[in-house]
Amino acid sequence: MTNTDKLVLVTGGSGFVGGHCIARLLQKGYNVRTTLRSLEGKGKITAALTANGITSFDNLSFMEAELTKDDNWEEVMKGCNYVLSVASPVFFDMPKDENEAIRPALEGITRILKFARNAGVKRVVMTSNFGAVGFSQTDKGRETTEADWTDPDLKGLSIYEKSKLLAERAAWEFITREGGSLEFTTINPVAIFGPPLNEHVSGSFDILKHMLDGTWKVVPPIPLNIVDVRDVADLHIRAMENPGANGQRFIASADGQISMPEIAAFLKKTRPEAAEKVSAKTVPTFVIKLSALFNAQAKQGAMFINMNRKVSNAKAKNILGWEPIASQEETILASVDSMIKFNLINKNNNADKNN
């Protein structure tokens, strides 16, 4: 069976990662179906794809479906060989009650897996999160790997990260308990940057935005692992195609790490006009740790400082033959240039909390 004979469903086609997955699949000759909460968004996706070199949409179709409802999912899954489960339930304001975020996330992935199994789909690749892997791994004497799991009761863990963590756990439990012959793989990206197809970016872009627009008067001394969105899309498709990926988790991360102060200095050097408001001051680490005793935002900052940033991407390289296409610096520059292009620095950007 050739790629042109295979149908791949991408949930959340309007998202930052979902759009890149669709573009890559079309380039590889697959038939692609994507879900939207409303078909009114179809034109925006095709416009973004056109602007990024996709010239034919004969192999792309759209269907309405929501993760919070069973409606249409049976029809959506018909004939699909693979599913890239990229979308998560959308919250325009994150609920204060964590159960309001966690329950839809758990039910959403369970719904995808149930309908995929019933339709005879071969494999589902789920976009999870590094927050499900390494946030409570503080042993800096070893690498963080896919064998690690974040403690859901970790202080500083956001409701969003906790919902992604518990959703992935629920997905693996479903596969074990009632998945039948359905194959399953997860991709666990660190902070996702890189060039968006349009103005729709990931929540990670808030870091750059707060630096560039002067919101941060001082830069927190937090180390980061980052990954290019093009590499994340590539990993999804490799995990879909490779027989050895079944039953595996894959961390999506570029090599090494980079700190927020290093990013700030890099931006001042390489994009001085855009970085005029970037602060050269850094918050002392002890101030964040002290503030964490009574401030929720500082508590999250302390968690990021304490966690191990020696993150291994060896599994993706060894099993999937994957290599990052961009260095951390190249990815950051591509992100900033896109923010300038789409005028995202001095206004509220359309951040995609689900990648």
Protein backbone atom coordinates (compact mmCIF):
# COMPACT_ATOMS: atom_id res chain seq x y z
CA MET A 1 0.00 0.00 0.00
CA THR A 2 1.46 3.38 -1.01
CA ASN A 3 1.04 6.63 0.92
CA THR A 4 -1.62 7.77 -1.54
CA ASP A 5 -3.73 4.75 -0.54
CA LYS A 6 -3.59 5.62 3.17
CA LEU A 7 -5.87 7.99 5.06
CA VAL A 8 -4.51 9.82 8.10
CA LEU A 9 -6.76 11.68 10.51
CA VAL A 10 -5.23 14.74 12.20
CA THR A 11 -7.35 16.09 15.05
CA GLY A 12 -7.08 19.82 15.63
CA GLY A 13 -5.95 20.83 12.16
CA SER A 14 -6.06 24.54 13.00
CA GLY A 15 -3.42 24.21 15.72
CA PHE A 16 0.29 25.07 15.66
CA VAL A 17 1.48 21.45 15.59
CA GLY A 18 -1.56 20.09 13.74
CA GLY A 19 -1.04 22.43 10.80
CA HIS A 20 2.57 21.35 10.38
CA CYS A 21 1.53 17.69 10.58
CA ILE A 22 -1.01 18.21 7.80
CA ALA A 23 1.54 20.01 5.61
CA ARG A 24 4.13 17.28 6.08
CA LEU A 25 1.63 14.48 5.41
CA LEU A 26 0.42 16.13 2.20
CA GLN A 27 4.03 16.57 1.06
CA LYS A 28 4.56 12.83 1.63
CA GLY A 29 1.52 11.96 -0.51
CA TYR A 30 -0.93 10.85 2.20
CA ASN A 31 -4.66 11.44 2.11
CA VAL A 32 -5.45 13.63 5.11
CA ARG A 33 -8.66 14.24 7.00
CA THR A 34 -8.73 16.81 9.76
CA THR A 35 -11.30 17.77 12.39
CA LEU A 36 -12.43 21.26 13.28
CA ARG A 37 -14.92 22.42 15.86
CA SER A 38 -16.49 24.43 13.03
CA LEU A 39 -15.98 24.10 9.28
CA GLU A 40 -15.87 27.91 9.15
CA GLY A 41 -12.17 27.54 9.98
CA LYS A 42 -11.45 25.53 6.82
CA GLY A 43 -10.44 28.55 4.73
CA LYS A 44 -7.92 29.71 7.30
CA ILE A 45 -6.15 26.35 7.20
CA THR A 46 -6.00 26.16 3.41
CA ALA A 47 -4.74 29.76 3.26
CA ALA A 48 -1.96 28.96 5.73
CA LEU A 49 -1.00 25.81 3.84
CA THR A 50 -0.99 27.68 0.53
CA ALA A 51 1.30 30.35 1.99
CA ASN A 52 3.67 27.58 2.98
CA GLY A 53 3.99 25.86 -0.37
CA ILE A 54 1.05 23.43 -0.52
CA THR A 55 -0.41 23.79 -4.01
CA SER A 56 -3.06 21.06 -4.11
CA PHE A 57 -5.81 20.16 -1.66
CA ASP A 58 -7.20 17.17 -3.52
CA ASN A 59 -5.97 14.90 -0.71
CA LEU A 60 -7.28 17.04 2.18
CA SER A 61 -10.78 16.87 3.66
CA PHE A 62 -12.45 18.45 6.69
CA MET A 63 -15.05 17.24 9.18
CA GLU A 64 -16.67 18.79 12.24
CA ALA A 65 -16.10 17.07 15.57
CA GLU A 66 -15.44 18.06 19.18
CA LEU A 67 -13.45 16.14 21.76
CA THR A 68 -16.19 16.74 24.33
CA LYS A 69 -18.93 15.01 22.30
CA ASP A 70 -19.45 11.65 20.58
CA ASP A 71 -21.17 13.36 17.63
CA ASN A 72 -19.61 12.57 14.21
CA TRP A 73 -16.60 10.62 15.52
CA GLU A 74 -17.80 7.32 14.08
CA GLU A 75 -18.03 8.92 10.65
CA VAL A 76 -14.74 10.80 11.13
CA MET A 77 -12.84 7.56 11.81
CA LYS A 78 -14.26 5.62 8.84
CA GLY A 79 -11.54 4.42 6.49
CA CYS A 80 -8.69 5.89 8.52
CA ASN A 81 -5.45 3.92 8.70
CA TYR A 82 -3.81 6.21 11.26
CA VAL A 83 -4.78 8.95 13.69
CA LEU A 84 -2.57 11.78 14.90
CA SER A 85 -4.36 12.90 18.07
CA VAL A 86 -2.99 16.42 18.32
CA ALA A 87 -5.96 18.37 19.68
CA SER A 88 -6.84 18.87 23.34
CA PRO A 89 -10.03 20.37 24.77
CA VAL A 90 -9.98 24.16 24.37
CA PHE A 91 -10.29 26.58 27.30
CA PHE A 92 -10.38 30.28 26.57
CA ASP A 93 -9.85 30.86 30.30
CA MET A 94 -8.22 28.03 32.24
CA PRO A 95 -10.74 26.79 34.85
CA LYS A 96 -9.93 27.46 38.51
CA ASP A 97 -11.28 24.03 39.40
CA GLU A 98 -8.70 21.61 38.02
CA ASN A 99 -11.32 18.91 37.50
CA GLU A 100 -12.98 21.10 34.86
CA ALA A 101 -9.77 20.86 32.83
CA ILE A 102 -8.74 17.32 33.69
CA ARG A 103 -12.04 15.55 33.01
CA PRO A 104 -12.44 16.80 29.40
CA ALA A 105 -8.78 15.95 28.67
CA LEU A 106 -9.22 12.38 29.92
CA GLU A 107 -12.56 11.93 28.20
CA GLY A 108 -11.24 13.47 24.97
CA ILE A 109 -8.35 11.04 24.43
CA THR A 110 -10.46 8.10 25.60
CA ARG A 111 -13.10 9.07 23.05
CA ILE A 112 -10.49 9.19 20.26
CA LEU A 113 -9.09 5.79 21.21
CA LYS A 114 -12.50 4.16 21.53
CA PHE A 115 -13.74 5.30 18.12
CA ALA A 116 -10.37 4.54 16.51
CA ARG A 117 -10.43 1.00 17.89
CA ASN A 118 -14.01 0.47 16.76
CA ALA A 119 -13.16 1.68 13.25
CA GLY A 120 -10.18 -0.65 12.88
CA VAL A 121 -7.55 2.12 12.87
CA LYS A 122 -4.04 0.66 12.92
CA ARG A 123 -2.28 3.20 15.17
CA VAL A 124 -2.96 6.37 17.14
CA VAL A 125 -0.09 8.77 17.82
CA MET A 126 -0.96 11.10 20.70
CA THR A 127 0.59 14.52 21.27
CA SER A 128 1.36 14.43 24.96
CA ASN A 129 3.78 16.75 26.76
CA PHE A 130 7.16 16.77 28.51
CA GLY A 131 5.13 17.83 31.54
CA ALA A 132 4.01 14.20 31.68
CA VAL A 133 7.62 13.00 31.75
CA GLY A 134 10.24 15.03 33.56
CA PHE A 135 8.90 17.83 35.71
CA SER A 136 9.52 16.01 39.01
CA GLN A 137 12.84 14.46 37.91
CA THR A 138 15.34 16.49 39.95
CA ASP A 139 18.32 14.09 39.87
CA LYS A 140 20.80 16.06 37.77
CA GLY A 141 23.27 13.19 37.89
CA ARG A 142 21.36 11.29 35.19
CA GLU A 143 19.43 11.99 32.03
CA THR A 144 15.65 12.32 31.99
CA THR A 145 14.17 9.67 29.69
CA GLU A 146 10.79 8.36 28.58
CA ALA A 147 10.85 5.96 31.54
CA ASP A 148 10.20 8.94 33.85
CA TRP A 149 6.76 10.15 34.84
CA THR A 150 5.91 13.46 36.49
CA ASP A 151 4.32 13.29 39.94
CA PRO A 152 0.76 14.66 39.49
CA ASP A 153 0.93 16.15 43.02
CA LEU A 154 4.11 18.11 42.27
CA LYS A 155 4.04 21.66 43.69
CA GLY A 156 4.06 24.20 40.87
CA LEU A 157 2.56 21.88 38.27
CA SER A 158 -0.04 23.85 36.30
CA ILE A 159 -3.58 22.63 35.74
CA TYR A 160 -2.82 22.40 32.02
CA GLU A 161 0.28 20.25 32.54
CA LYS A 162 -1.53 18.05 35.04
CA SER A 163 -4.39 17.52 32.61
CA LYS A 164 -1.94 16.44 29.88
CA LEU A 165 -0.17 14.09 32.29
CA LEU A 166 -3.35 12.41 33.49
CA ALA A 167 -4.73 12.23 29.95
CA GLU A 168 -1.67 10.31 28.80
CA ARG A 169 -1.91 7.95 31.78
CA ALA A 170 -5.59 7.38 30.97
CA ALA A 171 -4.68 6.65 27.34
CA TRP A 172 -2.13 3.97 28.25
CA GLU A 173 -4.61 2.43 30.70
CA PHE A 174 -7.27 2.30 27.96
CA ILE A 175 -4.85 0.61 25.56
CA THR A 176 -3.89 -1.98 28.18
CA ARG A 177 -7.44 -2.62 29.32
CA GLU A 178 -9.52 -2.46 26.15
CA GLY A 179 -7.41 -1.29 23.23
CA GLY A 180 -7.68 -4.59 21.39
CA SER A 181 -5.42 -4.57 18.33
CA LEU A 182 -5.12 -0.76 18.30
CA GLU A 183 -1.48 0.39 18.36
CA PHE A 184 -0.51 3.47 20.36
CA THR A 185 2.44 5.85 20.64
CA THR A 186 2.98 9.20 22.34
CA ILE A 187 5.14 12.19 21.43
CA ASN A 188 6.19 14.26 24.47
CA PRO A 189 7.50 17.65 23.32
CA VAL A 190 9.41 20.12 25.47
CA ALA A 191 8.73 23.85 24.83
CA ILE A 192 7.72 24.13 21.16
CA PHE A 193 8.99 27.04 19.07
CA GLY A 194 9.74 27.51 15.37
CA PRO A 195 7.98 29.04 12.36
CA PRO A 196 4.16 28.90 12.48
CA LEU A 197 2.11 28.47 9.33
CA ASN A 198 0.09 31.54 10.32
CA GLU A 199 -0.40 33.66 13.45
CA HIS A 200 -1.42 30.60 15.49
CA VAL A 201 1.50 29.74 17.80
CA SER A 202 2.16 27.62 20.88
CA GLY A 203 1.86 28.80 24.47
CA SER A 204 5.67 28.64 24.71
CA PHE A 205 5.82 31.81 22.58
CA ASP A 206 4.67 33.76 25.64
CA ILE A 207 8.27 33.51 26.89
CA LEU A 208 9.56 35.38 23.85
CA LYS A 209 6.63 37.79 23.83
CA HIS A 210 7.15 38.78 27.49
CA MET A 211 10.83 39.39 26.78
CA LEU A 212 10.33 41.35 23.56
CA ASP A 213 7.42 43.56 24.63
CA GLY A 214 9.07 44.54 27.92
CA THR A 215 6.56 42.77 30.18
CA TRP A 216 9.48 41.12 31.96
CA LYS A 217 11.52 43.87 33.63
CA VAL A 218 13.90 41.16 34.77
CA VAL A 219 14.50 37.74 33.16
CA PRO A 220 14.05 34.61 35.31
CA PRO A 221 17.16 32.35 35.47
CA ILE A 222 15.23 29.34 34.19
CA PRO A 223 16.85 26.77 31.89
CA LEU A 224 14.80 25.42 29.01
CA ASN A 225 14.70 22.51 26.61
CA ILE A 226 13.17 23.52 23.31
CA VAL A 227 12.15 21.86 20.06
CA ASP A 228 11.24 23.11 16.60
CA VAL A 229 7.62 22.56 15.54
CA ARG A 230 8.85 21.08 12.24
CA ASP A 231 10.75 18.45 14.23
CA VAL A 232 7.66 17.70 16.31
CA ALA A 233 5.59 17.13 13.15
CA ASP A 234 8.34 14.96 11.69
CA LEU A 235 8.42 12.85 14.86
CA HIS A 236 4.66 12.31 14.76
CA ILE A 237 4.86 10.93 11.24
CA ARG A 238 7.92 8.79 11.94
CA ALA A 239 6.13 7.36 14.99
CA MET A 240 3.10 6.67 12.80
CA GLU A 241 5.11 4.89 10.10
CA ASN A 242 7.73 2.96 12.10
CA PRO A 243 6.65 -0.50 13.32
CA GLY A 244 9.04 -0.22 16.28
CA ALA A 245 7.23 2.82 17.63
CA ASN A 246 4.19 0.88 18.84
CA GLY A 247 3.82 1.02 22.62
CA GLN A 248 6.53 3.67 23.00
CA ARG A 249 6.86 7.24 24.28
CA PHE A 250 9.24 9.64 22.53
CA ILE A 251 10.61 12.86 24.01
CA ALA A 252 10.76 15.59 21.36
CA SER A 253 13.67 17.88 22.19
CA ALA A 254 16.56 19.53 20.41
CA ASP A 255 20.04 18.68 21.67
CA GLY A 256 21.12 20.44 24.86
CA GLN A 257 19.47 23.24 26.79
CA ILE A 258 19.36 27.02 26.83
CA SER A 259 18.43 29.40 29.64
CA MET A 260 16.08 32.36 29.45
CA PRO A 261 18.93 34.85 30.15
CA GLU A 262 20.91 33.21 27.32
CA ILE A 263 17.90 33.65 25.02
CA ALA A 264 17.62 37.31 26.06
CA ALA A 265 21.31 37.97 25.33
CA PHE A 266 21.05 36.10 22.03
CA LEU A 267 18.07 38.19 20.91
CA LYS A 268 19.83 41.43 21.80
CA LYS A 269 22.79 40.34 19.69
CA THR A 270 20.97 38.92 16.65
CA ARG A 271 17.73 40.95 16.50
CA PRO A 272 18.65 44.24 18.24
CA GLU A 273 15.79 46.28 16.74
CA ALA A 274 13.16 43.79 17.90
CA ALA A 275 14.92 43.30 21.26
CA GLU A 276 15.10 46.92 22.40
CA LYS A 277 12.82 46.19 25.36
CA VAL A 278 14.50 42.92 26.35
CA SER A 279 15.85 43.28 29.87
CA ALA A 280 19.52 42.60 30.61
CA LYS A 281 18.70 42.01 34.28
CA THR A 282 18.21 38.57 35.81
CA VAL A 283 16.26 37.59 38.92
CA PRO A 284 18.53 35.86 41.46
CA THR A 285 17.62 32.20 41.88
CA PHE A 286 17.26 32.53 45.67
CA VAL A 287 14.61 35.24 45.20
CA ILE A 288 12.44 32.89 43.12
CA LYS A 289 12.86 30.05 45.59
CA LEU A 290 12.03 32.33 48.52
CA SER A 291 9.01 33.81 46.72
CA ALA A 292 7.78 30.28 45.94
CA LEU A 293 6.76 29.96 49.58
CA PHE A 294 3.84 32.34 49.04
CA ASN A 295 3.52 33.05 45.30
CA ALA A 296 2.02 30.56 42.81
CA GLN A 297 3.92 31.92 39.79
CA ALA A 298 7.22 31.80 41.72
CA LYS A 299 6.35 28.26 42.84
CA GLN A 300 6.16 27.23 39.20
CA GLY A 301 9.44 29.03 38.50
CA ALA A 302 11.12 27.16 41.36
CA MET A 303 9.84 23.88 39.94
CA PHE A 304 11.43 24.70 36.58
CA ILE A 305 14.73 25.61 38.25
CA ASN A 306 14.83 22.43 40.33
CA MET A 307 13.99 20.00 37.54
CA ASN A 308 16.70 18.16 35.63
CA ARG A 309 17.34 19.63 32.18
CA LYS A 310 19.63 16.84 30.98
CA VAL A 311 16.96 15.49 28.67
CA SER A 312 17.64 12.52 26.41
CA ASN A 313 16.35 12.46 22.84
CA ALA A 314 18.31 9.27 22.09
CA LYS A 315 15.24 7.05 21.85
CA ALA A 316 13.75 9.04 18.97
CA LYS A 317 17.11 9.03 17.23
CA ASN A 318 17.77 5.32 17.73
CA ILE A 319 14.31 3.88 16.99
CA LEU A 320 12.92 6.42 14.53
CA GLY A 321 16.12 7.61 12.85
CA TRP A 322 15.17 11.16 13.80
CA GLU A 323 17.57 14.10 13.91
CA PRO A 324 16.58 17.68 14.79
CA ILE A 325 16.61 19.82 11.65
CA ALA A 326 17.33 23.04 13.55
CA SER A 327 19.57 24.13 16.40
CA GLN A 328 18.04 25.87 19.42
CA GLU A 329 19.31 29.22 18.15
CA GLU A 330 17.91 28.70 14.64
CA THR A 331 14.54 27.74 16.11
CA ILE A 332 14.45 30.83 18.33
CA LEU A 333 15.30 33.12 15.41
CA ALA A 334 12.63 31.49 13.24
CA SER A 335 10.14 32.09 16.06
CA VAL A 336 11.03 35.75 16.53
CA ASP A 337 11.05 36.45 12.80
CA SER A 338 7.58 34.89 12.56
CA MET A 339 6.35 36.98 15.49
CA ILE A 340 7.54 40.09 13.67
CA LYS A 341 5.96 38.90 10.40
CA PHE A 342 2.58 38.25 12.01
CA ASN A 343 2.74 41.26 14.36
CA LEU A 344 2.52 39.12 17.50
CA ILE A 345 4.91 41.01 19.75
CA ASN A 346 2.85 44.03 20.75
CA LYS A 347 -0.57 42.43 20.89
CA ASN A 348 -2.24 39.38 22.43
CA ASN A 349 -1.11 36.47 20.30
CA ASN A 350 -3.26 33.51 19.32
CA ALA A 351 -1.37 31.09 21.55
CA ASP A 352 -2.26 27.44 21.24
CA LYS A 353 -2.08 25.98 24.77
CA ASN A 354 -2.25 22.58 23.21
CA ASN A 355 0.92 22.94 21.16
